[in-house]
PDB file of N, CA and C in Angstrom:
ATOM      1  N   MET A   1       8.437 -34.108  14.508  1.00  0.00           N
ATOM      2  CA  MET A   1       7.060 -33.942  13.913  1.00  0.00           C
ATOM      3  C   MET A   1       7.104 -34.714  12.596  1.00  0.00           C
ATOM      4  N   SER A   2       6.121 -35.441  12.387  1.00  0.00           N
ATOM      5  CA  SER A   2       6.029 -36.184  11.044  1.00  0.00           C
ATOM      6  C   SER A   2       5.687 -35.208   9.899  1.00  0.00           C
ATOM      7  N   THR A   3       6.062 -35.627   8.730  1.00  0.00           N
ATOM      8  CA  THR A   3       5.801 -34.894   7.567  1.00  0.00           C
ATOM      9  C   THR A   3       4.306 -34.594   7.417  1.00  0.00           C
ATOM     10  N   ASP A   4       3.579 -35.611   7.660  1.00  0.00           N
ATOM     11  CA  ASP A   4       2.081 -35.514   7.477  1.00  0.00           C
ATOM     12  C   ASP A   4       1.589 -34.488   8.519  1.00  0.00           C
ATOM     13  N   ALA A   5       2.019 -34.488   9.732  1.00  0.00           N
ATOM     14  CA  ALA A   5       1.521 -33.578  10.721  1.00  0.00           C
ATOM     15  C   ALA A   5       1.980 -32.170  10.328  1.00  0.00           C
ATOM     16  N   LEU A   6       3.217 -32.025   9.898  1.00  0.00           N
ATOM     17  CA  LEU A   6       3.669 -30.665   9.406  1.00  0.00           C
ATOM     18  C   LEU A   6       2.811 -30.085   8.300  1.00  0.00           C
ATOM     19  N   TYR A   7       2.465 -30.941   7.322  1.00  0.00           N
ATOM     20  CA  TYR A   7       1.754 -30.440   6.151  1.00  0.00           C
ATOM     21  C   TYR A   7       0.271 -30.216   6.603  1.00  0.00           C
ATOM     22  N   ALA A   8      -0.272 -30.953   7.570  1.00  0.00           N
ATOM     23  CA  ALA A   8      -1.613 -30.697   8.033  1.00  0.00           C
ATOM     24  C   ALA A   8      -1.645 -29.356   8.728  1.00  0.00           C
ATOM     25  N   LYS A   9      -0.626 -29.032   9.544  1.00  0.00           N
ATOM     26  CA  LYS A   9      -0.501 -27.726  10.108  1.00  0.00           C
ATOM     27  C   LYS A   9      -0.454 -26.548   9.055  1.00  0.00           C
ATOM     28  N   LEU A  10       0.411 -26.765   8.111  1.00  0.00           N
ATOM     29  CA  LEU A  10       0.621 -25.853   7.041  1.00  0.00           C
ATOM     30  C   LEU A  10      -0.631 -25.579   6.242  1.00  0.00           C
ATOM     31  N   THR A  11      -1.377 -26.634   5.912  1.00  0.00           N
ATOM     32  CA  THR A  11      -2.676 -26.617   5.254  1.00  0.00           C
ATOM     33  C   THR A  11      -3.630 -25.729   5.968  1.00  0.00           C
ATOM     34  N   ALA A  12      -3.789 -25.961   7.254  1.00  0.00           N
ATOM     35  CA  ALA A  12      -4.697 -25.151   8.092  1.00  0.00           C
ATOM     36  C   ALA A  12      -4.297 -23.659   8.017  1.00  0.00           C
ATOM     37  N   ILE A  13      -3.048 -23.365   8.096  1.00  0.00           N
ATOM     38  CA  ILE A  13      -2.504 -22.054   8.025  1.00  0.00           C
ATOM     39  C   ILE A  13      -2.845 -21.482   6.680  1.00  0.00           C
ATOM     40  N   PHE A  14      -2.578 -22.086   5.598  1.00  0.00           N
ATOM     41  CA  PHE A  14      -2.871 -21.589   4.257  1.00  0.00           C
ATOM     42  C   PHE A  14      -4.276 -21.365   4.048  1.00  0.00           C
ATOM     43  N   HIS A  15      -5.162 -22.311   4.511  1.00  0.00           N
ATOM     44  CA  HIS A  15      -6.598 -22.125   4.364  1.00  0.00           C
ATOM     45  C   HIS A  15      -7.088 -20.794   5.108  1.00  0.00           C
ATOM     46  N   ASP A  16      -6.470 -20.598   6.361  1.00  0.00           N
ATOM     47  CA  ASP A  16      -6.775 -19.354   7.145  1.00  0.00           C
ATOM     48  C   ASP A  16      -6.296 -18.082   6.475  1.00  0.00           C
ATOM     49  N   VAL A  17      -5.044 -18.112   6.134  1.00  0.00           N
ATOM     50  CA  VAL A  17      -4.450 -16.875   5.541  1.00  0.00           C
ATOM     51  C   VAL A  17      -5.119 -16.479   4.264  1.00  0.00           C
ATOM     52  N   PHE A  18      -5.346 -17.435   3.431  1.00  0.00           N
ATOM     53  CA  PHE A  18      -5.913 -17.157   2.030  1.00  0.00           C
ATOM     54  C   PHE A  18      -7.449 -17.325   1.982  1.00  0.00           C
ATOM     55  N   ASP A  19      -8.111 -17.681   3.105  1.00  0.00           N
ATOM     56  CA  ASP A  19      -9.467 -17.837   3.164  1.00  0.00           C
ATOM     57  C   ASP A  19     -10.015 -18.715   1.961  1.00  0.00           C
ATOM     58  N   ASP A  20      -9.343 -19.872   1.762  1.00  0.00           N
ATOM     59  CA  ASP A  20      -9.601 -20.741   0.599  1.00  0.00           C
ATOM     60  C   ASP A  20      -9.314 -22.122   1.086  1.00  0.00           C
ATOM     61  N   GLU A  21     -10.469 -22.930   1.377  1.00  0.00           N
ATOM     62  CA  GLU A  21     -10.374 -24.215   1.801  1.00  0.00           C
ATOM     63  C   GLU A  21      -9.982 -25.190   0.654  1.00  0.00           C
ATOM     64  N   SER A  22      -9.968 -24.794  -0.548  1.00  0.00           N
ATOM     65  CA  SER A  22      -9.649 -25.649  -1.670  1.00  0.00           C
ATOM     66  C   SER A  22      -8.064 -25.819  -1.896  1.00  0.00           C
ATOM     67  N   ILE A  23      -7.271 -24.934  -1.230  1.00  0.00           N
ATOM     68  CA  ILE A  23      -5.887 -25.032  -1.437  1.00  0.00           C
ATOM     69  C   ILE A  23      -5.337 -26.421  -0.956  1.00  0.00           C
ATOM     70  N   VAL A  24      -4.615 -27.081  -1.801  1.00  0.00           N
ATOM     71  CA  VAL A  24      -3.886 -28.316  -1.428  1.00  0.00           C
ATOM     72  C   VAL A  24      -2.406 -28.024  -1.319  1.00  0.00           C
ATOM     73  N   VAL A  25      -1.888 -28.169  -0.134  1.00  0.00           N
ATOM     74  CA  VAL A  25      -0.537 -27.766   0.206  1.00  0.00           C
ATOM     75  C   VAL A  25       0.310 -29.011  -0.123  1.00  0.00           C
ATOM     76  N   THR A  26       1.246 -28.835  -1.135  1.00  0.00           N
ATOM     77  CA  THR A  26       2.145 -29.881  -1.523  1.00  0.00           C
ATOM     78  C   THR A  26       3.635 -29.174  -1.459  1.00  0.00           C
ATOM     79  N   PRO A  27       4.687 -30.085  -1.434  1.00  0.00           N
ATOM     80  CA  PRO A  27       6.001 -29.578  -1.415  1.00  0.00           C
ATOM     81  C   PRO A  27       6.237 -28.640  -2.669  1.00  0.00           C
ATOM     82  N   GLU A  28       5.554 -28.948  -3.674  1.00  0.00           N
ATOM     83  CA  GLU A  28       5.871 -28.112  -4.956  1.00  0.00           C
ATOM     84  C   GLU A  28       5.019 -26.799  -5.047  1.00  0.00           C
ATOM     85  N   LEU A  29       4.154 -26.606  -4.168  1.00  0.00           N
ATOM     86  CA  LEU A  29       3.310 -25.347  -4.222  1.00  0.00           C
ATOM     87  C   LEU A  29       4.121 -24.131  -4.145  1.00  0.00           C
ATOM     88  N   THR A  30       3.769 -23.187  -5.003  1.00  0.00           N
ATOM     89  CA  THR A  30       4.483 -21.817  -5.015  1.00  0.00           C
ATOM     90  C   THR A  30       3.404 -20.764  -5.094  1.00  0.00           C
ATOM     91  N   ALA A  31       3.914 -19.514  -4.881  1.00  0.00           N
ATOM     92  CA  ALA A  31       3.066 -18.423  -4.965  1.00  0.00           C
ATOM     93  C   ALA A  31       2.240 -18.283  -6.250  1.00  0.00           C
ATOM     94  N   ASP A  32       2.868 -18.786  -7.342  1.00  0.00           N
ATOM     95  CA  ASP A  32       2.226 -18.689  -8.663  1.00  0.00           C
ATOM     96  C   ASP A  32       0.973 -19.587  -8.699  1.00  0.00           C
ATOM     97  N   ASP A  33       0.861 -20.540  -7.764  1.00  0.00           N
ATOM     98  CA  ASP A  33      -0.224 -21.464  -7.793  1.00  0.00           C
ATOM     99  C   ASP A  33      -1.426 -20.966  -7.002  1.00  0.00           C
ATOM    100  N   VAL A  34      -1.314 -19.950  -6.274  1.00  0.00           N
ATOM    101  CA  VAL A  34      -2.395 -19.449  -5.393  1.00  0.00           C
ATOM    102  C   VAL A  34      -2.623 -17.897  -5.860  1.00  0.00           C
ATOM    103  N   ASP A  35      -3.835 -17.832  -6.386  1.00  0.00           N
ATOM    104  CA  ASP A  35      -4.220 -16.394  -6.908  1.00  0.00           C
ATOM    105  C   ASP A  35      -4.056 -15.342  -5.957  1.00  0.00           C
ATOM    106  N   GLU A  36      -4.395 -15.542  -4.652  1.00  0.00           N
ATOM    107  CA  GLU A  36      -4.346 -14.433  -3.645  1.00  0.00           C
ATOM    108  C   GLU A  36      -2.913 -14.232  -3.037  1.00  0.00           C
ATOM    109  N   TRP A  37      -1.981 -15.077  -3.428  1.00  0.00           N
ATOM    110  CA  TRP A  37      -0.664 -15.058  -2.835  1.00  0.00           C
ATOM    111  C   TRP A  37       0.250 -13.893  -3.439  1.00  0.00           C
ATOM    112  N   ASP A  38       0.069 -12.732  -2.778  1.00  0.00           N
ATOM    113  CA  ASP A  38       0.930 -11.560  -3.199  1.00  0.00           C
ATOM    114  C   ASP A  38       1.816 -11.270  -2.092  1.00  0.00           C
ATOM    115  N   SER A  39       2.438 -10.099  -2.155  1.00  0.00           N
ATOM    116  CA  SER A  39       3.561  -9.780  -1.154  1.00  0.00           C
ATOM    117  C   SER A  39       2.972  -9.597   0.248  1.00  0.00           C
ATOM    118  N   LEU A  40       1.797  -8.942   0.332  1.00  0.00           N
ATOM    119  CA  LEU A  40       1.244  -8.816   1.616  1.00  0.00           C
ATOM    120  C   LEU A  40       0.735 -10.035   2.242  1.00  0.00           C
ATOM    121  N   SER A  41       0.132 -10.969   1.446  1.00  0.00           N
ATOM    122  CA  SER A  41      -0.368 -12.236   2.035  1.00  0.00           C
ATOM    123  C   SER A  41       0.842 -13.114   2.335  1.00  0.00           C
ATOM    124  N   HIS A  42       1.898 -12.912   1.600  1.00  0.00           N
ATOM    125  CA  HIS A  42       3.158 -13.724   1.867  1.00  0.00           C
ATOM    126  C   HIS A  42       3.690 -13.342   3.353  1.00  0.00           C
ATOM    127  N   ILE A  43       3.685 -12.080   3.645  1.00  0.00           N
ATOM    128  CA  ILE A  43       4.092 -11.715   4.957  1.00  0.00           C
ATOM    129  C   ILE A  43       3.159 -12.209   6.073  1.00  0.00           C
ATOM    130  N   ARG A  44       1.824 -12.135   5.764  1.00  0.00           N
ATOM    131  CA  ARG A  44       0.880 -12.680   6.686  1.00  0.00           C
ATOM    132  C   ARG A  44       1.058 -14.180   6.876  1.00  0.00           C
ATOM    133  N   LEU A  45       1.360 -14.868   5.805  1.00  0.00           N
ATOM    134  CA  LEU A  45       1.643 -16.307   5.884  1.00  0.00           C
ATOM    135  C   LEU A  45       2.820 -16.628   6.685  1.00  0.00           C
ATOM    136  N   VAL A  46       3.910 -15.919   6.490  1.00  0.00           N
ATOM    137  CA  VAL A  46       5.229 -16.181   7.263  1.00  0.00           C
ATOM    138  C   VAL A  46       4.909 -15.867   8.743  1.00  0.00           C
ATOM    139  N   LEU A  47       4.190 -14.807   9.070  1.00  0.00           N
ATOM    140  CA  LEU A  47       3.947 -14.464  10.445  1.00  0.00           C
ATOM    141  C   LEU A  47       3.010 -15.547  11.111  1.00  0.00           C
ATOM    142  N   ALA A  48       2.015 -16.046  10.287  1.00  0.00           N
ATOM    143  CA  ALA A  48       1.184 -17.152  10.846  1.00  0.00           C
ATOM    144  C   ALA A  48       1.978 -18.382  11.146  1.00  0.00           C
ATOM    145  N   ILE A  49       2.897 -18.713  10.238  1.00  0.00           N
ATOM    146  CA  ILE A  49       3.725 -19.953  10.363  1.00  0.00           C
ATOM    147  C   ILE A  49       4.680 -19.698  11.569  1.00  0.00           C
ATOM    148  N   GLU A  50       5.270 -18.575  11.764  1.00  0.00           N
ATOM    149  CA  GLU A  50       6.169 -18.261  12.885  1.00  0.00           C
ATOM    150  C   GLU A  50       5.398 -18.473  14.231  1.00  0.00           C
ATOM    151  N   LYS A  51       4.181 -17.910  14.220  1.00  0.00           N
ATOM    152  CA  LYS A  51       3.380 -18.003  15.459  1.00  0.00           C
ATOM    153  C   LYS A  51       2.980 -19.431  15.789  1.00  0.00           C
ATOM    154  N   LYS A  52       2.478 -20.146  14.780  1.00  0.00           N
ATOM    155  CA  LYS A  52       2.002 -21.597  14.953  1.00  0.00           C
ATOM    156  C   LYS A  52       3.197 -22.521  15.467  1.00  0.00           C
ATOM    157  N   PHE A  53       4.395 -22.241  14.899  1.00  0.00           N
ATOM    158  CA  PHE A  53       5.564 -23.127  15.259  1.00  0.00           C
ATOM    159  C   PHE A  53       6.456 -22.580  16.322  1.00  0.00           C
ATOM    160  N   GLY A  54       6.144 -21.274  16.800  1.00  0.00           N
ATOM    161  CA  GLY A  54       7.007 -20.759  17.777  1.00  0.00           C
ATOM    162  C   GLY A  54       8.432 -20.399  17.192  1.00  0.00           C
ATOM    163  N   LEU A  55       8.538 -19.969  15.965  1.00  0.00           N
ATOM    164  CA  LEU A  55       9.801 -19.755  15.337  1.00  0.00           C
ATOM    165  C   LEU A  55       9.949 -18.312  14.825  1.00  0.00           C
ATOM    166  N   LYS A  56      11.134 -17.947  14.449  1.00  0.00           N
ATOM    167  CA  LYS A  56      11.441 -16.660  13.816  1.00  0.00           C
ATOM    168  C   LYS A  56      12.306 -16.926  12.542  1.00  0.00           C
ATOM    169  N   PHE A  57      11.978 -16.314  11.474  1.00  0.00           N
ATOM    170  CA  PHE A  57      12.655 -16.601  10.280  1.00  0.00           C
ATOM    171  C   PHE A  57      13.278 -15.205   9.876  1.00  0.00           C
ATOM    172  N   SER A  58      14.469 -15.182   9.418  1.00  0.00           N
ATOM    173  CA  SER A  58      15.102 -14.055   8.808  1.00  0.00           C
ATOM    174  C   SER A  58      14.546 -13.647   7.437  1.00  0.00           C
ATOM    175  N   ALA A  59      14.728 -12.458   7.020  1.00  0.00           N
ATOM    176  CA  ALA A  59      14.390 -12.073   5.673  1.00  0.00           C
ATOM    177  C   ALA A  59      15.179 -12.831   4.698  1.00  0.00           C
ATOM    178  N   ALA A  60      16.437 -13.117   4.961  1.00  0.00           N
ATOM    179  CA  ALA A  60      17.232 -13.822   4.002  1.00  0.00           C
ATOM    180  C   ALA A  60      16.768 -15.328   3.921  1.00  0.00           C
ATOM    181  N   GLU A  61      16.379 -15.937   5.069  1.00  0.00           N
ATOM    182  CA  GLU A  61      15.863 -17.315   5.006  1.00  0.00           C
ATOM    183  C   GLU A  61      14.588 -17.390   4.140  1.00  0.00           C
ATOM    184  N   VAL A  62      13.672 -16.429   4.355  1.00  0.00           N
ATOM    185  CA  VAL A  62      12.429 -16.499   3.613  1.00  0.00           C
ATOM    186  C   VAL A  62      12.658 -16.161   2.141  1.00  0.00           C
ATOM    187  N   GLY A  63      13.526 -15.225   1.957  1.00  0.00           N
ATOM    188  CA  GLY A  63      13.828 -14.813   0.541  1.00  0.00           C
ATOM    189  C   GLY A  63      14.396 -15.983  -0.344  1.00  0.00           C
ATOM    190  N   ARG A  64      15.039 -16.957   0.265  1.00  0.00           N
ATOM    191  CA  ARG A  64      15.691 -17.985  -0.492  1.00  0.00           C
ATOM    192  C   ARG A  64      14.656 -19.068  -0.800  1.00  0.00           C
ATOM    193  N   LEU A  65      13.481 -19.158  -0.185  1.00  0.00           N
ATOM    194  CA  LEU A  65      12.532 -20.195  -0.379  1.00  0.00           C
ATOM    195  C   LEU A  65      11.879 -20.134  -1.799  1.00  0.00           C
ATOM    196  N   LYS A  66      11.858 -21.312  -2.360  1.00  0.00           N
ATOM    197  CA  LYS A  66      11.351 -21.297  -3.744  1.00  0.00           C
ATOM    198  C   LYS A  66       9.908 -22.044  -3.773  1.00  0.00           C
ATOM    199  N   ASN A  67       9.629 -22.925  -2.728  1.00  0.00           N
ATOM    200  CA  ASN A  67       8.373 -23.517  -2.578  1.00  0.00           C
ATOM    201  C   ASN A  67       8.002 -23.911  -1.252  1.00  0.00           C
ATOM    202  N   VAL A  68       6.869 -24.544  -0.988  1.00  0.00           N
ATOM    203  CA  VAL A  68       6.413 -24.901   0.327  1.00  0.00           C
ATOM    204  C   VAL A  68       7.346 -26.008   0.835  1.00  0.00           C
ATOM    205  N   GLY A  69       7.825 -26.917  -0.087  1.00  0.00           N
ATOM    206  CA  GLY A  69       8.679 -27.954   0.514  1.00  0.00           C
ATOM    207  C   GLY A  69       9.968 -27.412   1.176  1.00  0.00           C
ATOM    208  N   GLU A  70      10.500 -26.364   0.565  1.00  0.00           N
ATOM    209  CA  GLU A  70      11.675 -25.751   1.148  1.00  0.00           C
ATOM    210  C   GLU A  70      11.281 -25.022   2.437  1.00  0.00           C
ATOM    211  N   PHE A  71      10.122 -24.413   2.523  1.00  0.00           N
ATOM    212  CA  PHE A  71       9.721 -23.838   3.712  1.00  0.00           C
ATOM    213  C   PHE A  71       9.487 -24.941   4.825  1.00  0.00           C
ATOM    214  N   ALA A  72       8.985 -26.024   4.489  1.00  0.00           N
ATOM    215  CA  ALA A  72       8.769 -27.159   5.400  1.00  0.00           C
ATOM    216  C   ALA A  72      10.143 -27.648   5.975  1.00  0.00           C
ATOM    217  N   SER A  73      11.140 -27.670   5.037  1.00  0.00           N
ATOM    218  CA  SER A  73      12.428 -28.126   5.442  1.00  0.00           C
ATOM    219  C   SER A  73      13.043 -27.180   6.449  1.00  0.00           C
ATOM    220  N   LEU A  74      12.909 -25.898   6.145  1.00  0.00           N
ATOM    221  CA  LEU A  74      13.338 -24.829   7.117  1.00  0.00           C
ATOM    222  C   LEU A  74      12.719 -24.982   8.465  1.00  0.00           C
ATOM    223  N   ILE A  75      11.438 -25.242   8.508  1.00  0.00           N
ATOM    224  CA  ILE A  75      10.662 -25.430   9.676  1.00  0.00           C
ATOM    225  C   ILE A  75      11.273 -26.566  10.508  1.00  0.00           C
ATOM    226  N   VAL A  76      11.504 -27.689   9.853  1.00  0.00           N
ATOM    227  CA  VAL A  76      12.069 -28.931  10.434  1.00  0.00           C
ATOM    228  C   VAL A  76      13.420 -28.596  10.973  1.00  0.00           C
ATOM    229  N   THR A  77      14.264 -27.856  10.203  1.00  0.00           N
ATOM    230  CA  THR A  77      15.603 -27.548  10.674  1.00  0.00           C
ATOM    231  C   THR A  77      15.605 -26.705  11.899  1.00  0.00           C
ATOM    232  N   LYS A  78      14.681 -25.732  11.953  1.00  0.00           N
ATOM    233  CA  LYS A  78      14.663 -24.765  13.057  1.00  0.00           C
ATOM    234  C   LYS A  78      13.980 -25.450  14.293  1.00  0.00           C
ATOM    235  N   THR A  79      13.275 -26.506  14.141  1.00  0.00           N
ATOM    236  CA  THR A  79      12.574 -27.113  15.320  1.00  0.00           C
ATOM    237  C   THR A  79      13.347 -28.215  15.824  1.00  0.00           C
ATOM    238  N   ALA A  80      14.404 -28.635  15.114  1.00  0.00           N
ATOM    239  CA  ALA A  80      15.187 -29.821  15.519  1.00  0.00           C
ATOM    240  C   ALA A  80      16.038 -29.560  16.638  1.00  0.00           C
TER     241      ALA A  80
END
């Protein structure tokens, strides 16, 4: 999957989970950048990404992520 296709899918998921079409998903995006991104929405986000990509992430994997770029890298690693 191309980086552009991956970020297009992630953008659609972010817009849906946070109900905010103005979010621009970049590798540097963090929870601090999105007002509604709290612990509950983080779980919803992870579950939505798992469902969309047909993956499962461990709590340790998710806990190590610092930004969307690291999440994208994890997705690429698990789908390879």
